[in-house]
PDB file of N, CA and C in Angstrom:
ATOM      1  N   MET A   1     154.594 123.280  17.078  1.00  0.00           N
ATOM      2  CA  MET A   1     154.671 121.829  16.776  1.00  0.00           C
ATOM      3  C   MET A   1     155.761 121.233  17.840  1.00  0.00           C
ATOM      4  N   ILE A   2     155.770 119.965  17.861  1.00  0.00           N
ATOM      5  CA  ILE A   2     156.574 119.268  18.657  1.00  0.00           C
ATOM      6  C   ILE A   2     157.882 119.117  17.995  1.00  0.00           C
ATOM      7  N   ASP A   3     158.980 119.445  18.744  1.00  0.00           N
ATOM      8  CA  ASP A   3     160.367 119.050  17.989  1.00  0.00           C
ATOM      9  C   ASP A   3     160.735 117.733  18.209  1.00  0.00           C
ATOM     10  N   ILE A   4     160.963 116.962  17.029  1.00  0.00           N
ATOM     11  CA  ILE A   4     161.242 115.712  16.890  1.00  0.00           C
ATOM     12  C   ILE A   4     162.570 115.366  17.623  1.00  0.00           C
ATOM     13  N   ASN A   5     163.470 116.294  17.561  1.00  0.00           N
ATOM     14  CA  ASN A   5     164.791 116.128  18.179  1.00  0.00           C
ATOM     15  C   ASN A   5     164.590 115.929  19.783  1.00  0.00           C
ATOM     16  N   GLN A   6     163.675 116.723  20.311  1.00  0.00           N
ATOM     17  CA  GLN A   6     163.354 116.650  21.775  1.00  0.00           C
ATOM     18  C   GLN A   6     162.797 115.327  22.016  1.00  0.00           C
ATOM     19  N   ILE A   7     161.994 114.827  21.053  1.00  0.00           N
ATOM     20  CA  ILE A   7     161.298 113.456  21.344  1.00  0.00           C
ATOM     21  C   ILE A   7     162.401 112.424  21.423  1.00  0.00           C
ATOM     22  N   ASP A   8     163.253 112.549  20.407  1.00  0.00           N
ATOM     23  CA  ASP A   8     164.363 111.498  20.224  1.00  0.00           C
ATOM     24  C   ASP A   8     165.378 111.586  21.455  1.00  0.00           C
ATOM     25  N   GLU A   9     165.561 112.880  22.028  1.00  0.00           N
ATOM     26  CA  GLU A   9     166.448 112.894  23.170  1.00  0.00           C
ATOM     27  C   GLU A   9     165.642 112.297  24.364  1.00  0.00           C
ATOM     28  N   LEU A  10     164.464 112.468  24.534  1.00  0.00           N
ATOM     29  CA  LEU A  10     163.754 111.960  25.631  1.00  0.00           C
ATOM     30  C   LEU A  10     163.639 110.423  25.533  1.00  0.00           C
ATOM     31  N   ALA A  11     163.383 109.969  24.384  1.00  0.00           N
ATOM     32  CA  ALA A  11     163.459 108.385  24.146  1.00  0.00           C
ATOM     33  C   ALA A  11     164.757 107.803  24.423  1.00  0.00           C
ATOM     34  N   ARG A  12     165.909 108.525  24.072  1.00  0.00           N
ATOM     35  CA  ARG A  12     167.163 108.024  24.423  1.00  0.00           C
ATOM     36  C   ARG A  12     167.345 107.930  25.790  1.00  0.00           C
ATOM     37  N   ARG A  13     167.020 109.079  26.587  1.00  0.00           N
ATOM     38  CA  ARG A  13     167.155 109.062  28.085  1.00  0.00           C
ATOM     39  C   ARG A  13     166.423 107.953  28.786  1.00  0.00           C
ATOM     40  N   LEU A  14     165.129 107.727  28.162  1.00  0.00           N
ATOM     41  CA  LEU A  14     164.343 106.687  28.850  1.00  0.00           C
ATOM     42  C   LEU A  14     164.974 105.312  28.545  1.00  0.00           C
ATOM     43  N   SER A  15     165.510 105.144  27.348  1.00  0.00           N
ATOM     44  CA  SER A  15     166.174 103.779  27.040  1.00  0.00           C
ATOM     45  C   SER A  15     167.449 103.625  27.955  1.00  0.00           C
ATOM     46  N   GLU A  16     167.996 104.688  28.411  1.00  0.00           N
ATOM     47  CA  GLU A  16     169.237 104.543  29.215  1.00  0.00           C
ATOM     48  C   GLU A  16     168.949 104.102  30.610  1.00  0.00           C
ATOM     49  N   LEU A  17     167.613 104.300  30.971  1.00  0.00           N
ATOM     50  CA  LEU A  17     167.107 103.976  32.383  1.00  0.00           C
ATOM     51  C   LEU A  17     166.689 102.535  32.409  1.00  0.00           C
ATOM     52  N   VAL A  18     166.826 101.825  31.260  1.00  0.00           N
ATOM     53  CA  VAL A  18     166.448 100.405  31.243  1.00  0.00           C
ATOM     54  C   VAL A  18     167.517  99.664  31.983  1.00  0.00           C
ATOM     55  N   PRO A  19     167.024  98.576  32.756  1.00  0.00           N
ATOM     56  CA  PRO A  19     167.977  97.829  33.543  1.00  0.00           C
ATOM     57  C   PRO A  19     169.057  97.148  32.646  1.00  0.00           C
ATOM     58  N   PRO A  20     170.314  96.798  33.140  1.00  0.00           N
ATOM     59  CA  PRO A  20     171.290  96.370  32.231  1.00  0.00           C
ATOM     60  C   PRO A  20     170.884  95.076  31.453  1.00  0.00           C
ATOM     61  N   GLU A  21     170.175  94.111  32.091  1.00  0.00           N
ATOM     62  CA  GLU A  21     169.725  92.925  31.476  1.00  0.00           C
ATOM     63  C   GLU A  21     168.868  93.105  30.248  1.00  0.00           C
ATOM     64  N   LEU A  22     168.319  94.241  30.115  1.00  0.00           N
ATOM     65  CA  LEU A  22     167.415  94.472  28.991  1.00  0.00           C
ATOM     66  C   LEU A  22     168.035  95.371  27.828  1.00  0.00           C
ATOM     67  N   ARG A  23     169.278  95.862  28.188  1.00  0.00           N
ATOM     68  CA  ARG A  23     169.934  96.635  27.289  1.00  0.00           C
ATOM     69  C   ARG A  23     170.147  96.277  25.877  1.00  0.00           C
ATOM     70  N   GLU A  24     170.159  94.947  25.751  1.00  0.00           N
ATOM     71  CA  GLU A  24     170.386  94.424  24.324  1.00  0.00           C
ATOM     72  C   GLU A  24     169.261  94.883  23.422  1.00  0.00           C
ATOM     73  N   SER A  25     168.197  95.170  23.908  1.00  0.00           N
ATOM     74  CA  SER A  25     167.039  95.634  23.042  1.00  0.00           C
ATOM     75  C   SER A  25     166.823  97.145  23.111  1.00  0.00           C
ATOM     76  N   ARG A  26     167.984  97.839  23.538  1.00  0.00           N
ATOM     77  CA  ARG A  26     167.849  99.211  23.675  1.00  0.00           C
ATOM     78  C   ARG A  26     167.173 100.035  22.590  1.00  0.00           C
ATOM     79  N   GLU A  27     167.811  99.766  21.390  1.00  0.00           N
ATOM     80  CA  GLU A  27     167.284 100.473  20.054  1.00  0.00           C
ATOM     81  C   GLU A  27     165.715 100.247  19.913  1.00  0.00           C
ATOM     82  N   GLU A  28     165.278  98.949  20.165  1.00  0.00           N
ATOM     83  CA  GLU A  28     163.967  98.669  19.924  1.00  0.00           C
ATOM     84  C   GLU A  28     163.133  99.316  20.839  1.00  0.00           C
ATOM     85  N   LEU A  29     163.694  99.417  22.203  1.00  0.00           N
ATOM     86  CA  LEU A  29     162.985 100.170  23.288  1.00  0.00           C
ATOM     87  C   LEU A  29     162.874 101.660  22.960  1.00  0.00           C
ATOM     88  N   ARG A  30     163.833 102.195  22.516  1.00  0.00           N
ATOM     89  CA  ARG A  30     164.050 103.634  22.113  1.00  0.00           C
ATOM     90  C   ARG A  30     163.041 103.998  21.029  1.00  0.00           C
ATOM     91  N   GLY A  31     162.860 103.031  20.054  1.00  0.00           N
ATOM     92  CA  GLY A  31     161.685 103.165  19.095  1.00  0.00           C
ATOM     93  C   GLY A  31     160.371 103.250  19.581  1.00  0.00           C
ATOM     94  N   ALA A  32     160.217 102.223  20.571  1.00  0.00           N
ATOM     95  CA  ALA A  32     158.896 102.224  21.102  1.00  0.00           C
ATOM     96  C   ALA A  32     158.645 103.319  22.127  1.00  0.00           C
ATOM     97  N   PHE A  33     159.664 103.839  22.722  1.00  0.00           N
ATOM     98  CA  PHE A  33     159.457 105.067  23.606  1.00  0.00           C
ATOM     99  C   PHE A  33     159.141 106.254  22.635  1.00  0.00           C
ATOM    100  N   ARG A  34     159.939 106.450  21.523  1.00  0.00           N
ATOM    101  CA  ARG A  34     159.615 107.424  20.520  1.00  0.00           C
ATOM    102  C   ARG A  34     158.226 107.498  20.060  1.00  0.00           C
ATOM    103  N   SER A  35     157.788 106.250  19.709  1.00  0.00           N
ATOM    104  CA  SER A  35     156.396 106.110  19.182  1.00  0.00           C
ATOM    105  C   SER A  35     155.377 106.518  20.236  1.00  0.00           C
ATOM    106  N   ALA A  36     155.618 106.109  21.342  1.00  0.00           N
ATOM    107  CA  ALA A  36     154.588 106.251  22.503  1.00  0.00           C
ATOM    108  C   ALA A  36     154.502 107.907  22.786  1.00  0.00           C
ATOM    109  N   LEU A  37     155.745 108.374  22.765  1.00  0.00           N
ATOM    110  CA  LEU A  37     155.731 109.903  23.121  1.00  0.00           C
ATOM    111  C   LEU A  37     155.168 110.610  22.049  1.00  0.00           C
ATOM    112  N   GLN A  38     155.396 110.338  20.729  1.00  0.00           N
ATOM    113  CA  GLN A  38     154.745 110.922  19.707  1.00  0.00           C
ATOM    114  C   GLN A  38     153.293 110.859  19.691  1.00  0.00           C
ATOM    115  N   ALA A  39     152.980 109.676  19.982  1.00  0.00           N
ATOM    116  CA  ALA A  39     151.412 109.403  19.880  1.00  0.00           C
ATOM    117  C   ALA A  39     150.655 110.235  21.036  1.00  0.00           C
ATOM    118  N   GLY A  40     151.300 110.161  22.208  1.00  0.00           N
ATOM    119  CA  GLY A  40     150.733 110.875  23.424  1.00  0.00           C
ATOM    120  C   GLY A  40     150.783 112.341  23.215  1.00  0.00           C
ATOM    121  N   LEU A  41     151.859 112.840  22.779  1.00  0.00           N
ATOM    122  CA  LEU A  41     151.987 114.245  22.681  1.00  0.00           C
ATOM    123  C   LEU A  41     151.009 114.846  21.498  1.00  0.00           C
ATOM    124  N   SER A  42     150.789 114.102  20.475  1.00  0.00           N
ATOM    125  CA  SER A  42     150.049 114.469  19.418  1.00  0.00           C
ATOM    126  C   SER A  42     148.530 114.640  19.755  1.00  0.00           C
ATOM    127  N   LYS A  43     148.208 113.896  20.871  1.00  0.00           N
ATOM    128  CA  LYS A  43     146.834 114.000  21.289  1.00  0.00           C
ATOM    129  C   LYS A  43     146.460 115.228  22.287  1.00  0.00           C
ATOM    130  N   LEU A  44     147.746 115.886  22.608  1.00  0.00           N
ATOM    131  CA  LEU A  44     147.586 116.983  23.482  1.00  0.00           C
ATOM    132  C   LEU A  44     147.284 118.355  22.622  1.00  0.00           C
ATOM    133  N   ASP A  45     146.692 119.355  23.182  1.00  0.00           N
ATOM    134  CA  ASP A  45     146.343 120.619  22.544  1.00  0.00           C
ATOM    135  C   ASP A  45     147.491 121.564  22.852  1.00  0.00           C
ATOM    136  N   LEU A  46     148.701 121.488  22.115  1.00  0.00           N
ATOM    137  CA  LEU A  46     149.821 122.232  22.510  1.00  0.00           C
ATOM    138  C   LEU A  46     149.935 123.421  21.566  1.00  0.00           C
ATOM    139  N   VAL A  47     150.565 124.421  22.011  1.00  0.00           N
ATOM    140  CA  VAL A  47     150.989 125.530  21.066  1.00  0.00           C
ATOM    141  C   VAL A  47     152.408 125.731  21.201  1.00  0.00           C
ATOM    142  N   THR A  48     152.922 126.516  20.092  1.00  0.00           N
ATOM    143  CA  THR A  48     154.269 126.752  20.107  1.00  0.00           C
ATOM    144  C   THR A  48     154.651 127.719  21.167  1.00  0.00           C
ATOM    145  N   ARG A  49     155.922 127.790  21.354  1.00  0.00           N
ATOM    146  CA  ARG A  49     156.400 128.944  22.272  1.00  0.00           C
ATOM    147  C   ARG A  49     156.181 130.196  21.735  1.00  0.00           C
ATOM    148  N   GLU A  50     156.139 130.350  20.368  1.00  0.00           N
ATOM    149  CA  GLU A  50     156.003 131.695  19.751  1.00  0.00           C
ATOM    150  C   GLU A  50     154.539 132.187  19.925  1.00  0.00           C
ATOM    151  N   GLU A  51     153.559 131.174  19.917  1.00  0.00           N
ATOM    152  CA  GLU A  51     152.143 131.480  20.045  1.00  0.00           C
ATOM    153  C   GLU A  51     151.884 131.780  21.403  1.00  0.00           C
ATOM    154  N   PHE A  52     152.591 130.904  22.236  1.00  0.00           N
ATOM    155  CA  PHE A  52     152.341 131.379  23.776  1.00  0.00           C
ATOM    156  C   PHE A  52     152.906 132.741  24.112  1.00  0.00           C
ATOM    157  N   ASP A  53     154.010 133.091  23.627  1.00  0.00           N
ATOM    158  CA  ASP A  53     154.584 134.288  23.828  1.00  0.00           C
ATOM    159  C   ASP A  53     153.729 135.629  23.335  1.00  0.00           C
ATOM    160  N   VAL A  54     153.090 135.294  22.180  1.00  0.00           N
ATOM    161  CA  VAL A  54     152.239 136.359  21.689  1.00  0.00           C
ATOM    162  C   VAL A  54     150.990 136.523  22.527  1.00  0.00           C
ATOM    163  N   GLN A  55     150.372 135.381  23.009  1.00  0.00           N
ATOM    164  CA  GLN A  55     149.213 135.386  23.782  1.00  0.00           C
ATOM    165  C   GLN A  55     149.393 136.112  25.097  1.00  0.00           C
ATOM    166  N   ARG A  56     150.641 135.766  25.658  1.00  0.00           N
ATOM    167  CA  ARG A  56     151.212 136.248  26.877  1.00  0.00           C
ATOM    168  C   ARG A  56     151.159 137.823  26.825  1.00  0.00           C
ATOM    169  N   ALA A  57     151.802 138.389  25.591  1.00  0.00           N
ATOM    170  CA  ALA A  57     151.927 139.810  25.478  1.00  0.00           C
ATOM    171  C   ALA A  57     150.641 140.493  25.304  1.00  0.00           C
ATOM    172  N   VAL A  58     149.686 139.719  24.640  1.00  0.00           N
ATOM    173  CA  VAL A  58     148.323 140.297  24.431  1.00  0.00           C
ATOM    174  C   VAL A  58     147.600 140.424  25.852  1.00  0.00           C
ATOM    175  N   LEU A  59     147.782 139.354  26.629  1.00  0.00           N
ATOM    176  CA  LEU A  59     147.273 139.400  28.036  1.00  0.00           C
ATOM    177  C   LEU A  59     147.780 140.444  28.854  1.00  0.00           C
ATOM    178  N   LEU A  60     149.126 140.654  28.810  1.00  0.00           N
ATOM    179  CA  LEU A  60     149.757 141.796  29.528  1.00  0.00           C
ATOM    180  C   LEU A  60     149.256 143.168  29.211  1.00  0.00           C
ATOM    181  N   ARG A  61     149.037 143.407  27.807  1.00  0.00           N
ATOM    182  CA  ARG A  61     148.468 144.645  27.369  1.00  0.00           C
ATOM    183  C   ARG A  61     147.047 144.784  28.021  1.00  0.00           C
ATOM    184  N   THR A  62     146.259 143.781  27.865  1.00  0.00           N
ATOM    185  CA  THR A  62     144.925 143.829  28.151  1.00  0.00           C
ATOM    186  C   THR A  62     144.799 144.085  29.706  1.00  0.00           C
ATOM    187  N   ARG A  63     145.677 143.401  30.550  1.00  0.00           N
ATOM    188  CA  ARG A  63     145.721 143.692  31.985  1.00  0.00           C
ATOM    189  C   ARG A  63     146.101 145.070  32.331  1.00  0.00           C
ATOM    190  N   GLU A  64     146.878 145.667  31.573  1.00  0.00           N
ATOM    191  CA  GLU A  64     147.280 147.132  31.774  1.00  0.00           C
ATOM    192  C   GLU A  64     146.070 148.031  31.448  1.00  0.00           C
ATOM    193  N   LYS A  65     145.258 147.734  30.301  1.00  0.00           N
ATOM    194  CA  LYS A  65     144.163 148.482  29.980  1.00  0.00           C
ATOM    195  C   LYS A  65     143.116 148.335  31.077  1.00  0.00           C
ATOM    196  N   VAL A  66     142.923 147.181  31.579  1.00  0.00           N
ATOM    197  CA  VAL A  66     141.896 146.997  32.690  1.00  0.00           C
ATOM    198  C   VAL A  66     142.298 147.749  33.890  1.00  0.00           C
ATOM    199  N   ASP A  67     143.635 147.660  34.263  1.00  0.00           N
ATOM    200  CA  ASP A  67     144.036 148.420  35.366  1.00  0.00           C
ATOM    201  C   ASP A  67     143.782 149.974  35.280  1.00  0.00           C
ATOM    202  N   THR A  68     144.066 150.514  34.057  1.00  0.00           N
ATOM    203  CA  THR A  68     143.755 151.874  33.734  1.00  0.00           C
ATOM    204  C   THR A  68     142.298 152.287  33.883  1.00  0.00           C
ATOM    205  N   LEU A  69     141.433 151.362  33.391  1.00  0.00           N
ATOM    206  CA  LEU A  69     140.049 151.525  33.420  1.00  0.00           C
ATOM    207  C   LEU A  69     139.509 151.453  34.823  1.00  0.00           C
ATOM    208  N   GLU A  70     139.968 150.525  35.714  1.00  0.00           N
ATOM    209  CA  GLU A  70     139.706 150.551  37.101  1.00  0.00           C
ATOM    210  C   GLU A  70     140.016 151.842  37.819  1.00  0.00           C
ATOM    211  N   ARG A  71     141.293 152.359  37.516  1.00  0.00           N
ATOM    212  CA  ARG A  71     141.543 153.625  38.210  1.00  0.00           C
ATOM    213  C   ARG A  71     140.606 154.698  37.718  1.00  0.00           C
ATOM    214  N   LEU A  72     140.241 154.856  36.488  1.00  0.00           N
ATOM    215  CA  LEU A  72     139.290 155.707  35.855  1.00  0.00           C
ATOM    216  C   LEU A  72     138.038 155.622  36.499  1.00  0.00           C
ATOM    217  N   VAL A  73     137.369 154.466  36.709  1.00  0.00           N
ATOM    218  CA  VAL A  73     136.045 154.308  37.376  1.00  0.00           C
ATOM    219  C   VAL A  73     136.241 154.649  38.730  1.00  0.00           C
ATOM    220  N   GLU A  74     137.260 154.368  39.504  1.00  0.00           N
ATOM    221  CA  GLU A  74     137.552 154.785  40.941  1.00  0.00           C
ATOM    222  C   GLU A  74     137.456 156.276  40.945  1.00  0.00           C
ATOM    223  N   SER A  75     138.208 156.931  40.092  1.00  0.00           N
ATOM    224  CA  SER A  75     138.188 158.359  40.016  1.00  0.00           C
ATOM    225  C   SER A  75     136.889 158.995  39.710  1.00  0.00           C
ATOM    226  N   LEU A  76     136.166 158.543  38.846  1.00  0.00           N
ATOM    227  CA  LEU A  76     134.787 158.964  38.549  1.00  0.00           C
ATOM    228  C   LEU A  76     133.833 158.673  39.682  1.00  0.00           C
ATOM    229  N   GLU A  77     133.877 157.591  40.442  1.00  0.00           N
ATOM    230  CA  GLU A  77     133.071 157.263  41.424  1.00  0.00           C
ATOM    231  C   GLU A  77     133.357 158.233  42.545  1.00  0.00           C
ATOM    232  N   ALA A  78     134.582 158.616  42.748  1.00  0.00           N
ATOM    233  CA  ALA A  78     134.909 159.500  43.901  1.00  0.00           C
ATOM    234  C   ALA A  78     134.501 160.975  43.612  1.00  0.00           C
ATOM    235  N   ARG A  79     134.507 161.312  42.289  1.00  0.00           N
ATOM    236  CA  ARG A  79     133.976 162.554  41.936  1.00  0.00           C
ATOM    237  C   ARG A  79     132.424 162.632  42.211  1.00  0.00           C
ATOM    238  N   LEU A  80     131.850 161.602  41.738  1.00  0.00           N
ATOM    239  CA  LEU A  80     130.252 161.671  41.848  1.00  0.00           C
ATOM    240  C   LEU A  80     129.850 161.599  43.292  1.00  0.00           C
ATOM    241  N   SER A  81     130.590 160.797  44.149  1.00  0.00           N
ATOM    242  CA  SER A  81     130.155 160.794  45.586  1.00  0.00           C
ATOM    243  C   SER A  81     130.580 162.045  46.220  1.00  0.00           C
ATOM    244  N   GLY A  82     131.670 162.782  45.772  1.00  0.00           N
ATOM    245  CA  GLY A  82     131.928 164.002  46.347  1.00  0.00           C
ATOM    246  C   GLY A  82     131.014 165.230  45.882  1.00  0.00           C
ATOM    247  N   SER A  83     130.614 165.159  44.702  1.00  0.00           N
ATOM    248  CA  SER A  83     129.597 166.199  44.232  1.00  0.00           C
ATOM    249  C   SER A  83     128.267 166.071  44.810  1.00  0.00           C
ATOM    250  N   GLY A  84     127.861 164.739  45.191  1.00  0.00           N
ATOM    251  CA  GLY A  84     126.556 164.425  45.721  1.00  0.00           C
ATOM    252  C   GLY A  84     126.537 164.911  47.129  1.00  0.00           C
ATOM    253  N   GLU A  85     127.467 165.035  47.944  1.00  0.00           N
ATOM    254  CA  GLU A  85     127.556 165.552  49.245  1.00  0.00           C
ATOM    255  C   GLU A  85     127.348 166.979  49.373  1.00  0.00           C
ATOM    256  N   ALA A  86     127.778 167.767  48.321  1.00  0.00           N
ATOM    257  CA  ALA A  86     127.706 169.241  48.474  1.00  0.00           C
ATOM    258  C   ALA A  86     126.454 169.882  48.442  1.00  0.00           C
TER     259      ALA A  86
END
């Protein structure tokens, strides 16, 4: 899920970028930024860092297995081509 504290921090930073003449409405802008960020981010298909790390580990294990199988196939092909020439 999206961390609400990170959204608040980003909204705060955005409100600090507002020109000085508009700073009087900083809290109102911060709320608008927060709402816009939450709405935009909620539409994205995001995963948690934990889910990402789990999938990354699965992918690495799968890649290792594929590499092992590729070496095995190459070895078997070498044997077959070597025995066919004799």
